[in-house]
Every structure is written in C-alpha cells, then in structure tokens.
Amino acid sequence: MCNKDNGCIFCKIAEKEIKTSIEYEDESIIAFNDKNPEAPVHVLIIPREHIRSVNDLTASDMKLLGKMAIAAKEIAKKKKVFDSGYRLIINCGKDAGQLIGHLHMHLLGGRQFGWPPG
C-alpha cells in the first residue's frame, strides 16, 4: 500500500506525482537518479509498494528484492558502470543512514570506493 497520503516522497515519485529522471520502471519497481548524488552514477531503486525498510520485508518479498537487483544490473549496463564496477546499498534505520522511510536500494558507480564504507 502506498503511503503518499502520509507524505512519503518516494510513493509520490512512484505514482509520478513528483517528476524525476526515471532510469527504469516496471509494474513493481521504479528507479531514478538521486537528487543529491554521492557518485557520478547514483540511482535509487524503489518498490512501488510502500515498504518502510528491510525490517518490514517478509518471505513473500524475495522476488521483489531479486527484481530490484536485476534492475540494478541493467541500469549499471545503461550507465556504463557494469564492467568497471558498482556498489549496491540498502540502508536500514537511522543509524545506518536511511533518511526516507521507504525501502530503497542505492546503485553507486563511476568512481572507486573504499572499504569499509562509512
């Protein structure tokens, strides 16, 4: 269930009430460029359904997470970071850096990343 009526910006993007640069979409997910990029390529991949975080996932969401990962791979090809490498991140909760209460995956690429992150 979408939570746009409660002010979820990602739900509003998924419903196209807020315009953004869409990189990928299908019936269950949408991906768009991050407004405040942390790398030359920074795409957010979200489910259209409002799921607050990883903590709210159930066994029935396994296919959705797989679709998000496959979409990330296709976006990485489109953005020309597939061969050089890219990072996928899902933050869960305030201390991990989740700023929006809607499950989202970051695809970062176009530069070298250090380890450990953060």
PDB file of N, CA and C in Angstrom:
ATOM      1  N   MET A   1       0.831  -1.182   0.000  1.00  0.00           N
ATOM      2  CA  MET A   1       0.000   0.000   0.000  1.00  0.00           C
ATOM      3  C   MET A   1       0.880   1.252   0.000  1.00  0.00           C
ATOM      4  N   CYS A   2       0.555   2.156  -0.866  1.00  0.00           N
ATOM      5  CA  CYS A   2       1.313   3.399  -0.967  1.00  0.00           C
ATOM      6  C   CYS A   2       1.006   4.293   0.231  1.00  0.00           C
ATOM      7  N   ASN A   3       2.012   5.046   0.627  1.00  0.00           N
ATOM      8  CA  ASN A   3       1.880   5.901   1.789  1.00  0.00           C
ATOM      9  C   ASN A   3       1.997   7.375   1.405  1.00  0.00           C
ATOM     10  N   LYS A   4       1.689   7.695   0.151  1.00  0.00           N
ATOM     11  CA  LYS A   4       1.850   9.070  -0.318  1.00  0.00           C
ATOM     12  C   LYS A   4       0.974  10.042   0.453  1.00  0.00           C
ATOM     13  N   ASP A   5      -0.167   9.583   0.931  1.00  0.00           N
ATOM     14  CA  ASP A   5      -1.056  10.464   1.684  1.00  0.00           C
ATOM     15  C   ASP A   5      -0.447  10.847   3.026  1.00  0.00           C
ATOM     16  N   ASN A   6       0.508  10.054   3.492  1.00  0.00           N
ATOM     17  CA  ASN A   6       1.214  10.389   4.727  1.00  0.00           C
ATOM     18  C   ASN A   6       2.513  11.126   4.446  1.00  0.00           C
ATOM     19  N   GLY A   7       2.700  11.581   3.218  1.00  0.00           N
ATOM     20  CA  GLY A   7       3.847  12.408   2.880  1.00  0.00           C
ATOM     21  C   GLY A   7       5.072  11.666   2.380  1.00  0.00           C
ATOM     22  N   CYS A   8       4.967  10.380   2.036  1.00  0.00           N
ATOM     23  CA  CYS A   8       6.133   9.636   1.551  1.00  0.00           C
ATOM     24  C   CYS A   8       6.519  10.137   0.161  1.00  0.00           C
ATOM     25  N   ILE A   9       7.668  10.771   0.082  1.00  0.00           N
ATOM     26  CA  ILE A   9       8.127  11.336  -1.194  1.00  0.00           C
ATOM     27  C   ILE A   9       8.373  10.250  -2.240  1.00  0.00           C
ATOM     28  N   PHE A  10       8.865   9.074  -1.811  1.00  0.00           N
ATOM     29  CA  PHE A  10       9.120   8.011  -2.781  1.00  0.00           C
ATOM     30  C   PHE A  10       7.817   7.446  -3.340  1.00  0.00           C
ATOM     31  N   CYS A  11       6.765   7.384  -2.531  1.00  0.00           N
ATOM     32  CA  CYS A  11       5.465   6.956  -3.044  1.00  0.00           C
ATOM     33  C   CYS A  11       4.953   7.960  -4.081  1.00  0.00           C
ATOM     34  N   LYS A  12       5.172   9.234  -3.815  1.00  0.00           N
ATOM     35  CA  LYS A  12       4.744  10.260  -4.769  1.00  0.00           C
ATOM     36  C   LYS A  12       5.532  10.165  -6.069  1.00  0.00           C
ATOM     37  N   ILE A  13       6.818   9.836  -5.975  1.00  0.00           N
ATOM     38  CA  ILE A  13       7.627   9.626  -7.185  1.00  0.00           C
ATOM     39  C   ILE A  13       7.129   8.396  -7.935  1.00  0.00           C
ATOM     40  N   ALA A  14       6.861   7.311  -7.205  1.00  0.00           N
ATOM     41  CA  ALA A  14       6.382   6.076  -7.832  1.00  0.00           C
ATOM     42  C   ALA A  14       5.059   6.293  -8.556  1.00  0.00           C
ATOM     43  N   GLU A  15       4.219   7.166  -8.024  1.00  0.00           N
ATOM     44  CA  GLU A  15       2.927   7.464  -8.644  1.00  0.00           C
ATOM     45  C   GLU A  15       3.028   8.605  -9.660  1.00  0.00           C
ATOM     46  N   LYS A  16       4.249   9.099  -9.864  1.00  0.00           N
ATOM     47  CA  LYS A  16       4.555  10.153 -10.828  1.00  0.00           C
ATOM     48  C   LYS A  16       3.853  11.472 -10.505  1.00  0.00           C
ATOM     49  N   GLU A  17       3.641  11.699  -9.221  1.00  0.00           N
ATOM     50  CA  GLU A  17       3.133  12.993  -8.774  1.00  0.00           C
ATOM     51  C   GLU A  17       4.272  13.993  -8.657  1.00  0.00           C
ATOM     52  N   ILE A  18       5.483  13.478  -8.505  1.00  0.00           N
ATOM     53  CA  ILE A  18       6.691  14.294  -8.495  1.00  0.00           C
ATOM     54  C   ILE A  18       7.536  13.845  -9.675  1.00  0.00           C
ATOM     55  N   LYS A  19       7.912  14.769 -10.513  1.00  0.00           N
ATOM     56  CA  LYS A  19       8.718  14.432 -11.693  1.00  0.00           C
ATOM     57  C   LYS A  19      10.170  14.222 -11.291  1.00  0.00           C
ATOM     58  N   THR A  20      10.785  13.236 -11.927  1.00  0.00           N
ATOM     59  CA  THR A  20      12.187  12.937 -11.702  1.00  0.00           C
ATOM     60  C   THR A  20      12.735  12.255 -12.946  1.00  0.00           C
ATOM     61  N   SER A  21      14.022  12.071 -12.984  1.00  0.00           N
ATOM     62  CA  SER A  21      14.679  11.433 -14.119  1.00  0.00           C
ATOM     63  C   SER A  21      14.645   9.916 -13.940  1.00  0.00           C
ATOM     64  N   ILE A  22      13.685   9.265 -14.575  1.00  0.00           N
ATOM     65  CA  ILE A  22      13.483   7.820 -14.428  1.00  0.00           C
ATOM     66  C   ILE A  22      14.484   7.063 -15.290  1.00  0.00           C
ATOM     67  N   GLU A  23      15.161   6.097 -14.680  1.00  0.00           N
ATOM     68  CA  GLU A  23      16.138   5.262 -15.373  1.00  0.00           C
ATOM     69  C   GLU A  23      15.584   3.887 -15.723  1.00  0.00           C
ATOM     70  N   TYR A  24      14.570   3.445 -14.970  1.00  0.00           N
ATOM     71  CA  TYR A  24      13.985   2.117 -15.183  1.00  0.00           C
ATOM     72  C   TYR A  24      12.640   2.080 -14.470  1.00  0.00           C
ATOM     73  N   GLU A  25      11.698   1.355 -15.046  1.00  0.00           N
ATOM     74  CA  GLU A  25      10.450   1.099 -14.340  1.00  0.00           C
ATOM     75  C   GLU A  25       9.754  -0.123 -14.916  1.00  0.00           C
ATOM     76  N   ASP A  26       9.059  -0.815 -14.039  1.00  0.00           N
ATOM     77  CA  ASP A  26       8.169  -1.894 -14.443  1.00  0.00           C
ATOM     78  C   ASP A  26       6.974  -1.856 -13.498  1.00  0.00           C
ATOM     79  N   GLU A  27       6.181  -2.918 -13.468  1.00  0.00           N
ATOM     80  CA  GLU A  27       4.954  -2.894 -12.671  1.00  0.00           C
ATOM     81  C   GLU A  27       5.205  -2.850 -11.157  1.00  0.00           C
ATOM     82  N   SER A  28       6.381  -3.267 -10.703  1.00  0.00           N
ATOM     83  CA  SER A  28       6.597  -3.341  -9.257  1.00  0.00           C
ATOM     84  C   SER A  28       7.724  -2.452  -8.723  1.00  0.00           C
ATOM     85  N   ILE A  29       8.593  -1.937  -9.603  1.00  0.00           N
ATOM     86  CA  ILE A  29       9.682  -1.075  -9.143  1.00  0.00           C
ATOM     87  C   ILE A  29       9.876   0.109 -10.082  1.00  0.00           C
ATOM     88  N   ILE A  30      10.543   1.123  -9.550  1.00  0.00           N
ATOM     89  CA  ILE A  30      10.905   2.292 -10.345  1.00  0.00           C
ATOM     90  C   ILE A  30      12.289   2.743  -9.876  1.00  0.00           C
ATOM     91  N   ALA A  31      13.106   3.221 -10.796  1.00  0.00           N
ATOM     92  CA  ALA A  31      14.455   3.677 -10.468  1.00  0.00           C
ATOM     93  C   ALA A  31      14.658   5.066 -11.057  1.00  0.00           C
ATOM     94  N   PHE A  32      15.328   5.904 -10.282  1.00  0.00           N
ATOM     95  CA  PHE A  32      15.525   7.291 -10.696  1.00  0.00           C
ATOM     96  C   PHE A  32      16.837   7.815 -10.127  1.00  0.00           C
ATOM     97  N   ASN A  33      17.362   8.863 -10.748  1.00  0.00           N
ATOM     98  CA  ASN A  33      18.617   9.459 -10.304  1.00  0.00           C
ATOM     99  C   ASN A  33      18.426  10.170  -8.965  1.00  0.00           C
ATOM    100  N   ASP A  34      19.400   9.968  -8.074  1.00  0.00           N
ATOM    101  CA  ASP A  34      19.355  10.611  -6.764  1.00  0.00           C
ATOM    102  C   ASP A  34      19.516  12.117  -6.927  1.00  0.00           C
ATOM    103  N   LYS A  35      18.740  12.862  -6.186  1.00  0.00           N
ATOM    104  CA  LYS A  35      18.765  14.329  -6.233  1.00  0.00           C
ATOM    105  C   LYS A  35      20.072  14.893  -5.674  1.00  0.00           C
ATOM    106  N   ASN A  36      20.685  14.177  -4.738  1.00  0.00           N
ATOM    107  CA  ASN A  36      21.948  14.589  -4.125  1.00  0.00           C
ATOM    108  C   ASN A  36      22.969  13.463  -4.297  1.00  0.00           C
ATOM    109  N   PRO A  37      23.519  13.311  -5.493  1.00  0.00           N
ATOM    110  CA  PRO A  37      24.377  12.153  -5.780  1.00  0.00           C
ATOM    111  C   PRO A  37      25.673  12.131  -4.971  1.00  0.00           C
ATOM    112  N   GLU A  38      26.056  10.916  -4.555  1.00  0.00           N
ATOM    113  CA  GLU A  38      27.300  10.673  -3.832  1.00  0.00           C
ATOM    114  C   GLU A  38      28.380  10.104  -4.750  1.00  0.00           C
ATOM    115  N   ALA A  39      28.044   9.925  -6.022  1.00  0.00           N
ATOM    116  CA  ALA A  39      28.968   9.389  -7.025  1.00  0.00           C
ATOM    117  C   ALA A  39      28.474   9.858  -8.393  1.00  0.00           C
ATOM    118  N   PRO A  40      29.329   9.754  -9.423  1.00  0.00           N
ATOM    119  CA  PRO A  40      28.879  10.154 -10.762  1.00  0.00           C
ATOM    120  C   PRO A  40      27.600   9.428 -11.202  1.00  0.00           C
ATOM    121  N   VAL A  41      27.457   8.177 -10.807  1.00  0.00           N
ATOM    122  CA  VAL A  41      26.214   7.427 -11.031  1.00  0.00           C
ATOM    123  C   VAL A  41      25.624   7.148  -9.654  1.00  0.00           C
ATOM    124  N   HIS A  42      24.429   7.636  -9.412  1.00  0.00           N
ATOM    125  CA  HIS A  42      23.742   7.388  -8.138  1.00  0.00           C
ATOM    126  C   HIS A  42      22.253   7.284  -8.436  1.00  0.00           C
ATOM    127  N   VAL A  43      21.781   6.057  -8.524  1.00  0.00           N
ATOM    128  CA  VAL A  43      20.393   5.770  -8.868  1.00  0.00           C
ATOM    129  C   VAL A  43      19.724   5.098  -7.673  1.00  0.00           C
ATOM    130  N   LEU A  44      18.502   5.495  -7.378  1.00  0.00           N
ATOM    131  CA  LEU A  44      17.707   4.877  -6.333  1.00  0.00           C
ATOM    132  C   LEU A  44      16.694   3.938  -6.973  1.00  0.00           C
ATOM    133  N   ILE A  45      16.616   2.735  -6.450  1.00  0.00           N
ATOM    134  CA  ILE A  45      15.682   1.727  -6.953  1.00  0.00           C
ATOM    135  C   ILE A  45      14.710   1.437  -5.817  1.00  0.00           C
ATOM    136  N   ILE A  46      13.422   1.666  -6.072  1.00  0.00           N
ATOM    137  CA  ILE A  46      12.422   1.516  -5.013  1.00  0.00           C
ATOM    138  C   ILE A  46      11.278   0.611  -5.480  1.00  0.00           C
ATOM    139  N   PRO A  47      10.644  -0.073  -4.532  1.00  0.00           N
ATOM    140  CA  PRO A  47       9.402  -0.763  -4.885  1.00  0.00           C
ATOM    141  C   PRO A  47       8.274   0.264  -4.986  1.00  0.00           C
ATOM    142  N   ARG A  48       7.336   0.019  -5.869  1.00  0.00           N
ATOM    143  CA  ARG A  48       6.180   0.917  -5.958  1.00  0.00           C
ATOM    144  C   ARG A  48       5.329   0.798  -4.692  1.00  0.00           C
ATOM    145  N   GLU A  49       5.283  -0.394  -4.132  1.00  0.00           N
ATOM    146  CA  GLU A  49       4.562  -0.633  -2.883  1.00  0.00           C
ATOM    147  C   GLU A  49       5.337   0.005  -1.732  1.00  0.00           C
ATOM    148  N   HIS A  50       4.625   0.604  -0.810  1.00  0.00           N
ATOM    149  CA  HIS A  50       5.294   1.215   0.337  1.00  0.00           C
ATOM    150  C   HIS A  50       5.701   0.126   1.330  1.00  0.00           C
ATOM    151  N   ILE A  51       6.996  -0.113   1.397  1.00  0.00           N
ATOM    152  CA  ILE A  51       7.596  -0.980   2.407  1.00  0.00           C
ATOM    153  C   ILE A  51       8.587  -0.087   3.128  1.00  0.00           C
ATOM    154  N   ARG A  52       8.445   0.044   4.415  1.00  0.00           N
ATOM    155  CA  ARG A  52       9.247   1.014   5.171  1.00  0.00           C
ATOM    156  C   ARG A  52      10.732   0.728   5.133  1.00  0.00           C
ATOM    157  N   SER A  53      11.152  -0.510   5.406  1.00  0.00           N
ATOM    158  CA  SER A  53      12.575  -0.834   5.434  1.00  0.00           C
ATOM    159  C   SER A  53      12.761  -2.341   5.301  1.00  0.00           C
ATOM    160  N   VAL A  54      14.005  -2.775   5.309  1.00  0.00           N
ATOM    161  CA  VAL A  54      14.318  -4.198   5.285  1.00  0.00           C
ATOM    162  C   VAL A  54      13.628  -4.905   6.450  1.00  0.00           C
ATOM    163  N   ASN A  55      13.502  -4.232   7.580  1.00  0.00           N
ATOM    164  CA  ASN A  55      12.863  -4.832   8.749  1.00  0.00           C
ATOM    165  C   ASN A  55      11.409  -5.205   8.507  1.00  0.00           C
ATOM    166  N   ASP A  56      10.794  -4.624   7.493  1.00  0.00           N
ATOM    167  CA  ASP A  56       9.391  -4.895   7.201  1.00  0.00           C
ATOM    168  C   ASP A  56       9.195  -5.896   6.065  1.00  0.00           C
ATOM    169  N   LEU A  57      10.274  -6.436   5.534  1.00  0.00           N
ATOM    170  CA  LEU A  57      10.171  -7.428   4.469  1.00  0.00           C
ATOM    171  C   LEU A  57       9.670  -8.760   5.026  1.00  0.00           C
ATOM    172  N   THR A  58       8.974  -9.494   4.167  1.00  0.00           N
ATOM    173  CA  THR A  58       8.524 -10.840   4.514  1.00  0.00           C
ATOM    174  C   THR A  58       9.035 -11.802   3.450  1.00  0.00           C
ATOM    175  N   ALA A  59       8.839 -13.080   3.682  1.00  0.00           N
ATOM    176  CA  ALA A  59       9.285 -14.096   2.725  1.00  0.00           C
ATOM    177  C   ALA A  59       8.666 -13.868   1.351  1.00  0.00           C
ATOM    178  N   SER A  60       7.478 -13.305   1.303  1.00  0.00           N
ATOM    179  CA  SER A  60       6.824 -13.061   0.008  1.00  0.00           C
ATOM    180  C   SER A  60       7.484 -11.934  -0.777  1.00  0.00           C
ATOM    181  N   ASP A  61       8.405 -11.199  -0.156  1.00  0.00           N
ATOM    182  CA  ASP A  61       9.093 -10.099  -0.842  1.00  0.00           C
ATOM    183  C   ASP A  61      10.398 -10.526  -1.507  1.00  0.00           C
ATOM    184  N   MET A  62      10.761 -11.805  -1.427  1.00  0.00           N
ATOM    185  CA  MET A  62      12.033 -12.251  -2.015  1.00  0.00           C
ATOM    186  C   MET A  62      12.107 -11.956  -3.505  1.00  0.00           C
ATOM    187  N   LYS A  63      11.027 -12.178  -4.212  1.00  0.00           N
ATOM    188  CA  LYS A  63      11.018 -11.915  -5.653  1.00  0.00           C
ATOM    189  C   LYS A  63      11.220 -10.427  -5.935  1.00  0.00           C
ATOM    190  N   LEU A  64      10.623  -9.585  -5.122  1.00  0.00           N
ATOM    191  CA  LEU A  64      10.769  -8.137  -5.289  1.00  0.00           C
ATOM    192  C   LEU A  64      12.223  -7.719  -5.145  1.00  0.00           C
ATOM    193  N   LEU A  65      12.913  -8.227  -4.125  1.00  0.00           N
ATOM    194  CA  LEU A  65      14.328  -7.888  -3.941  1.00  0.00           C
ATOM    195  C   LEU A  65      15.167  -8.375  -5.110  1.00  0.00           C
ATOM    196  N   GLY A  66      14.848  -9.552  -5.622  1.00  0.00           N
ATOM    197  CA  GLY A  66      15.551 -10.057  -6.804  1.00  0.00           C
ATOM    198  C   GLY A  66      15.326  -9.159  -8.010  1.00  0.00           C
ATOM    199  N   LYS A  67      14.105  -8.692  -8.196  1.00  0.00           N
ATOM    200  CA  LYS A  67      13.809  -7.784  -9.304  1.00  0.00           C
ATOM    201  C   LYS A  67      14.585  -6.480  -9.164  1.00  0.00           C
ATOM    202  N   MET A  68      14.720  -6.005  -7.922  1.00  0.00           N
ATOM    203  CA  MET A  68      15.482  -4.772  -7.698  1.00  0.00           C
ATOM    204  C   MET A  68      16.950  -4.985  -8.080  1.00  0.00           C
ATOM    205  N   ALA A  69      17.518  -6.136  -7.725  1.00  0.00           N
ATOM    206  CA  ALA A  69      18.920  -6.428  -8.049  1.00  0.00           C
ATOM    207  C   ALA A  69      19.113  -6.585  -9.558  1.00  0.00           C
ATOM    208  N   ILE A  70      18.200  -7.255 -10.221  1.00  0.00           N
ATOM    209  CA  ILE A  70      18.299  -7.417 -11.679  1.00  0.00           C
ATOM    210  C   ILE A  70      18.149  -6.068 -12.373  1.00  0.00           C
ATOM    211  N   ALA A  71      17.251  -5.224 -11.884  1.00  0.00           N
ATOM    212  CA  ALA A  71      17.110  -3.873 -12.444  1.00  0.00           C
ATOM    213  C   ALA A  71      18.405  -3.097 -12.263  1.00  0.00           C
ATOM    214  N   ALA A  72      19.048  -3.244 -11.097  1.00  0.00           N
ATOM    215  CA  ALA A  72      20.320  -2.562 -10.848  1.00  0.00           C
ATOM    216  C   ALA A  72      21.360  -2.984 -11.876  1.00  0.00           C
ATOM    217  N   LYS A  73      21.418  -4.258 -12.178  1.00  0.00           N
ATOM    218  CA  LYS A  73      22.367  -4.759 -13.176  1.00  0.00           C
ATOM    219  C   LYS A  73      22.105  -4.115 -14.544  1.00  0.00           C
ATOM    220  N   GLU A  74      20.847  -4.029 -14.922  1.00  0.00           N
ATOM    221  CA  GLU A  74      20.501  -3.433 -16.222  1.00  0.00           C
ATOM    222  C   GLU A  74      20.807  -1.930 -16.241  1.00  0.00           C
ATOM    223  N   ILE A  75      20.548  -1.257 -15.150  1.00  0.00           N
ATOM    224  CA  ILE A  75      20.863   0.175 -15.061  1.00  0.00           C
ATOM    225  C   ILE A  75      22.375   0.379 -15.121  1.00  0.00           C
ATOM    226  N   ALA A  76      23.133  -0.485 -14.449  1.00  0.00           N
ATOM    227  CA  ALA A  76      24.603  -0.391 -14.491  1.00  0.00           C
ATOM    228  C   ALA A  76      25.111  -0.517 -15.919  1.00  0.00           C
ATOM    229  N   LYS A  77      24.507  -1.393 -16.705  1.00  0.00           N
ATOM    230  CA  LYS A  77      24.880  -1.508 -18.128  1.00  0.00           C
ATOM    231  C   LYS A  77      24.564  -0.207 -18.858  1.00  0.00           C
ATOM    232  N   LYS A  78      23.354   0.296 -18.653  1.00  0.00           N
ATOM    233  CA  LYS A  78      22.907   1.527 -19.315  1.00  0.00           C
ATOM    234  C   LYS A  78      23.808   2.712 -18.956  1.00  0.00           C
ATOM    235  N   LYS A  79      24.226   2.774 -17.694  1.00  0.00           N
ATOM    236  CA  LYS A  79      25.038   3.889 -17.206  1.00  0.00           C
ATOM    237  C   LYS A  79      26.540   3.664 -17.407  1.00  0.00           C
ATOM    238  N   LYS A  80      26.879   2.533 -18.024  1.00  0.00           N
ATOM    239  CA  LYS A  80      28.266   2.206 -18.384  1.00  0.00           C
ATOM    240  C   LYS A  80      29.194   2.023 -17.179  1.00  0.00           C
ATOM    241  N   VAL A  81      28.663   1.427 -16.101  1.00  0.00           N
ATOM    242  CA  VAL A  81      29.495   1.080 -14.946  1.00  0.00           C
ATOM    243  C   VAL A  81      29.473  -0.434 -14.688  1.00  0.00           C
ATOM    244  N   PHE A  82      28.819  -1.180 -15.570  1.00  0.00           N
ATOM    245  CA  PHE A  82      28.699  -2.626 -15.412  1.00  0.00           C
ATOM    246  C   PHE A  82      30.070  -3.299 -15.359  1.00  0.00           C
ATOM    247  N   ASP A  83      30.953  -2.938 -16.277  1.00  0.00           N
ATOM    248  CA  ASP A  83      32.270  -3.580 -16.338  1.00  0.00           C
ATOM    249  C   ASP A  83      33.256  -3.019 -15.319  1.00  0.00           C
ATOM    250  N   SER A  84      33.203  -1.730 -15.068  1.00  0.00           N
ATOM    251  CA  SER A  84      34.162  -1.124 -14.131  1.00  0.00           C
ATOM    252  C   SER A  84      33.802  -1.410 -12.678  1.00  0.00           C
ATOM    253  N   GLY A  85      32.531  -1.604 -12.406  1.00  0.00           N
ATOM    254  CA  GLY A  85      32.077  -1.937 -11.063  1.00  0.00           C
ATOM    255  C   GLY A  85      31.128  -0.912 -10.483  1.00  0.00           C
ATOM    256  N   TYR A  86      30.288  -1.394  -9.597  1.00  0.00           N
ATOM    257  CA  TYR A  86      29.310  -0.536  -8.939  1.00  0.00           C
ATOM    258  C   TYR A  86      28.979  -1.136  -7.578  1.00  0.00           C
ATOM    259  N   ARG A  87      28.389  -0.328  -6.743  1.00  0.00           N
ATOM    260  CA  ARG A  87      28.037  -0.764  -5.390  1.00  0.00           C
ATOM    261  C   ARG A  87      26.524  -0.656  -5.215  1.00  0.00           C
ATOM    262  N   LEU A  88      25.946  -1.672  -4.578  1.00  0.00           N
ATOM    263  CA  LEU A  88      24.529  -1.661  -4.212  1.00  0.00           C
ATOM    264  C   LEU A  88      24.437  -1.569  -2.696  1.00  0.00           C
ATOM    265  N   ILE A  89      23.609  -0.655  -2.221  1.00  0.00           N
ATOM    266  CA  ILE A  89      23.475  -0.429  -0.778  1.00  0.00           C
ATOM    267  C   ILE A  89      21.998  -0.335  -0.418  1.00  0.00           C
ATOM    268  N   ILE A  90      21.622  -1.029   0.652  1.00  0.00           N
ATOM    269  CA  ILE A  90      20.305  -0.846   1.261  1.00  0.00           C
ATOM    270  C   ILE A  90      20.550  -0.504   2.724  1.00  0.00           C
ATOM    271  N   ASN A  91      20.273   0.727   3.094  1.00  0.00           N
ATOM    272  CA  ASN A  91      20.401   1.150   4.485  1.00  0.00           C
ATOM    273  C   ASN A  91      19.117   0.788   5.228  1.00  0.00           C
ATOM    274  N   CYS A  92      19.244   0.422   6.487  1.00  0.00           N
ATOM    275  CA  CYS A  92      18.084   0.048   7.293  1.00  0.00           C
ATOM    276  C   CYS A  92      18.151   0.767   8.637  1.00  0.00           C
ATOM    277  N   GLY A  93      17.330   1.778   8.783  1.00  0.00           N
ATOM    278  CA  GLY A  93      17.257   2.505  10.038  1.00  0.00           C
ATOM    279  C   GLY A  93      18.138   3.737  10.090  1.00  0.00           C
ATOM    280  N   LYS A  94      17.848   4.562  11.061  1.00  0.00           N
ATOM    281  CA  LYS A  94      18.505   5.864  11.224  1.00  0.00           C
ATOM    282  C   LYS A  94      20.023   5.748  11.342  1.00  0.00           C
ATOM    283  N   ASP A  95      20.505   4.854  12.191  1.00  0.00           N
ATOM    284  CA  ASP A  95      21.955   4.744  12.407  1.00  0.00           C
ATOM    285  C   ASP A  95      22.700   4.262  11.161  1.00  0.00           C
ATOM    286  N   ALA A  96      22.009   3.563  10.281  1.00  0.00           N
ATOM    287  CA  ALA A  96      22.631   3.088   9.042  1.00  0.00           C
ATOM    288  C   ALA A  96      22.561   4.140   7.939  1.00  0.00           C
ATOM    289  N   GLY A  97      21.825   5.213   8.167  1.00  0.00           N
ATOM    290  CA  GLY A  97      21.743   6.282   7.183  1.00  0.00           C
ATOM    291  C   GLY A  97      20.480   6.281   6.351  1.00  0.00           C
ATOM    292  N   GLN A  98      19.460   5.506   6.728  1.00  0.00           N
ATOM    293  CA  GLN A  98      18.206   5.528   5.978  1.00  0.00           C
ATOM    294  C   GLN A  98      17.466   6.809   6.317  1.00  0.00           C
ATOM    295  N   LEU A  99      17.381   7.711   5.344  1.00  0.00           N
ATOM    296  CA  LEU A  99      16.763   9.015   5.570  1.00  0.00           C
ATOM    297  C   LEU A  99      15.282   9.047   5.208  1.00  0.00           C
ATOM    298  N   ILE A 100      14.880   8.195   4.269  1.00  0.00           N
ATOM    299  CA  ILE A 100      13.482   8.142   3.823  1.00  0.00           C
ATOM    300  C   ILE A 100      12.902   6.803   4.263  1.00  0.00           C
ATOM    301  N   GLY A 101      11.740   6.836   4.901  1.00  0.00           N
ATOM    302  CA  GLY A 101      11.105   5.614   5.394  1.00  0.00           C
ATOM    303  C   GLY A 101      10.364   4.857   4.313  1.00  0.00           C
ATOM    304  N   HIS A 102      11.087   4.509   3.255  1.00  0.00           N
ATOM    305  CA  HIS A 102      10.571   3.707   2.137  1.00  0.00           C
ATOM    306  C   HIS A 102      11.767   2.906   1.645  1.00  0.00           C
ATOM    307  N   LEU A 103      11.650   1.595   1.619  1.00  0.00           N
ATOM    308  CA  LEU A 103      12.747   0.736   1.183  1.00  0.00           C
ATOM    309  C   LEU A 103      13.331   1.251  -0.124  1.00  0.00           C
ATOM    310  N   HIS A 104      14.647   1.365  -0.184  1.00  0.00           N
ATOM    311  CA  HIS A 104      15.295   1.771  -1.427  1.00  0.00           C
ATOM    312  C   HIS A 104      16.718   1.226  -1.487  1.00  0.00           C
ATOM    313  N   MET A 105      17.138   0.938  -2.694  1.00  0.00           N
ATOM    314  CA  MET A 105      18.483   0.439  -2.977  1.00  0.00           C
ATOM    315  C   MET A 105      19.236   1.535  -3.728  1.00  0.00           C
ATOM    316  N   HIS A 106      20.449   1.813  -3.276  1.00  0.00           N
ATOM    317  CA  HIS A 106      21.311   2.770  -3.972  1.00  0.00           C
ATOM    318  C   HIS A 106      22.203   1.996  -4.935  1.00  0.00           C
ATOM    319  N   LEU A 107      22.296   2.453  -6.161  1.00  0.00           N
ATOM    320  CA  LEU A 107      23.285   1.969  -7.121  1.00  0.00           C
ATOM    321  C   LEU A 107      24.283   3.106  -7.292  1.00  0.00           C
ATOM    322  N   LEU A 108      25.520   2.861  -6.878  1.00  0.00           N
ATOM    323  CA  LEU A 108      26.579   3.869  -6.972  1.00  0.00           C
ATOM    324  C   LEU A 108      27.676   3.370  -7.898  1.00  0.00           C
ATOM    325  N   GLY A 109      28.174   4.236  -8.741  1.00  0.00           N
ATOM    326  CA  GLY A 109      29.254   3.852  -9.634  1.00  0.00           C
ATOM    327  C   GLY A 109      29.904   5.070 -10.261  1.00  0.00           C
ATOM    328  N   GLY A 110      30.895   4.807 -11.088  1.00  0.00           N
ATOM    329  CA  GLY A 110      31.568   5.886 -11.788  1.00  0.00           C
ATOM    330  C   GLY A 110      32.796   6.420 -11.075  1.00  0.00           C
ATOM    331  N   ARG A 111      33.126   5.828  -9.948  1.00  0.00           N
ATOM    332  CA  ARG A 111      34.346   6.181  -9.225  1.00  0.00           C
ATOM    333  C   ARG A 111      34.730   4.988  -8.357  1.00  0.00           C
ATOM    334  N   GLN A 112      35.928   5.033  -7.811  1.00  0.00           N
ATOM    335  CA  GLN A 112      36.400   3.955  -6.946  1.00  0.00           C
ATOM    336  C   GLN A 112      35.884   4.204  -5.523  1.00  0.00           C
ATOM    337  N   PHE A 113      35.526   3.129  -4.826  1.00  0.00           N
ATOM    338  CA  PHE A 113      35.015   3.203  -3.468  1.00  0.00           C
ATOM    339  C   PHE A 113      35.986   2.533  -2.512  1.00  0.00           C
ATOM    340  N   GLY A 114      36.047   3.053  -1.294  1.00  0.00           N
ATOM    341  CA  GLY A 114      36.894   2.458  -0.271  1.00  0.00           C
ATOM    342  C   GLY A 114      36.142   1.399   0.532  1.00  0.00           C
ATOM    343  N   TRP A 115      36.886   0.651   1.327  1.00  0.00           N
ATOM    344  CA  TRP A 115      36.305  -0.319   2.225  1.00  0.00           C
ATOM    345  C   TRP A 115      37.039  -0.271   3.544  1.00  0.00           C
ATOM    346  N   PRO A 116      36.423  -0.293   4.650  1.00  0.00           N
ATOM    347  CA  PRO A 116      34.973  -0.381   4.831  1.00  0.00           C
ATOM    348  C   PRO A 116      34.301   0.962   4.556  1.00  0.00           C
ATOM    349  N   PRO A 117      33.025   0.912   4.164  1.00  0.00           N
ATOM    350  CA  PRO A 117      32.299   2.148   3.912  1.00  0.00           C
ATOM    351  C   PRO A 117      31.979   2.870   5.213  1.00  0.00           C
ATOM    352  N   GLY A 118      31.668   4.135   5.097  1.00  0.00           N
ATOM    353  CA  GLY A 118      31.216   4.920   6.248  1.00  0.00           C
ATOM    354  C   GLY A 118      32.297   5.193   7.186  1.00  0.00           C
TER     355      GLY A 118
END
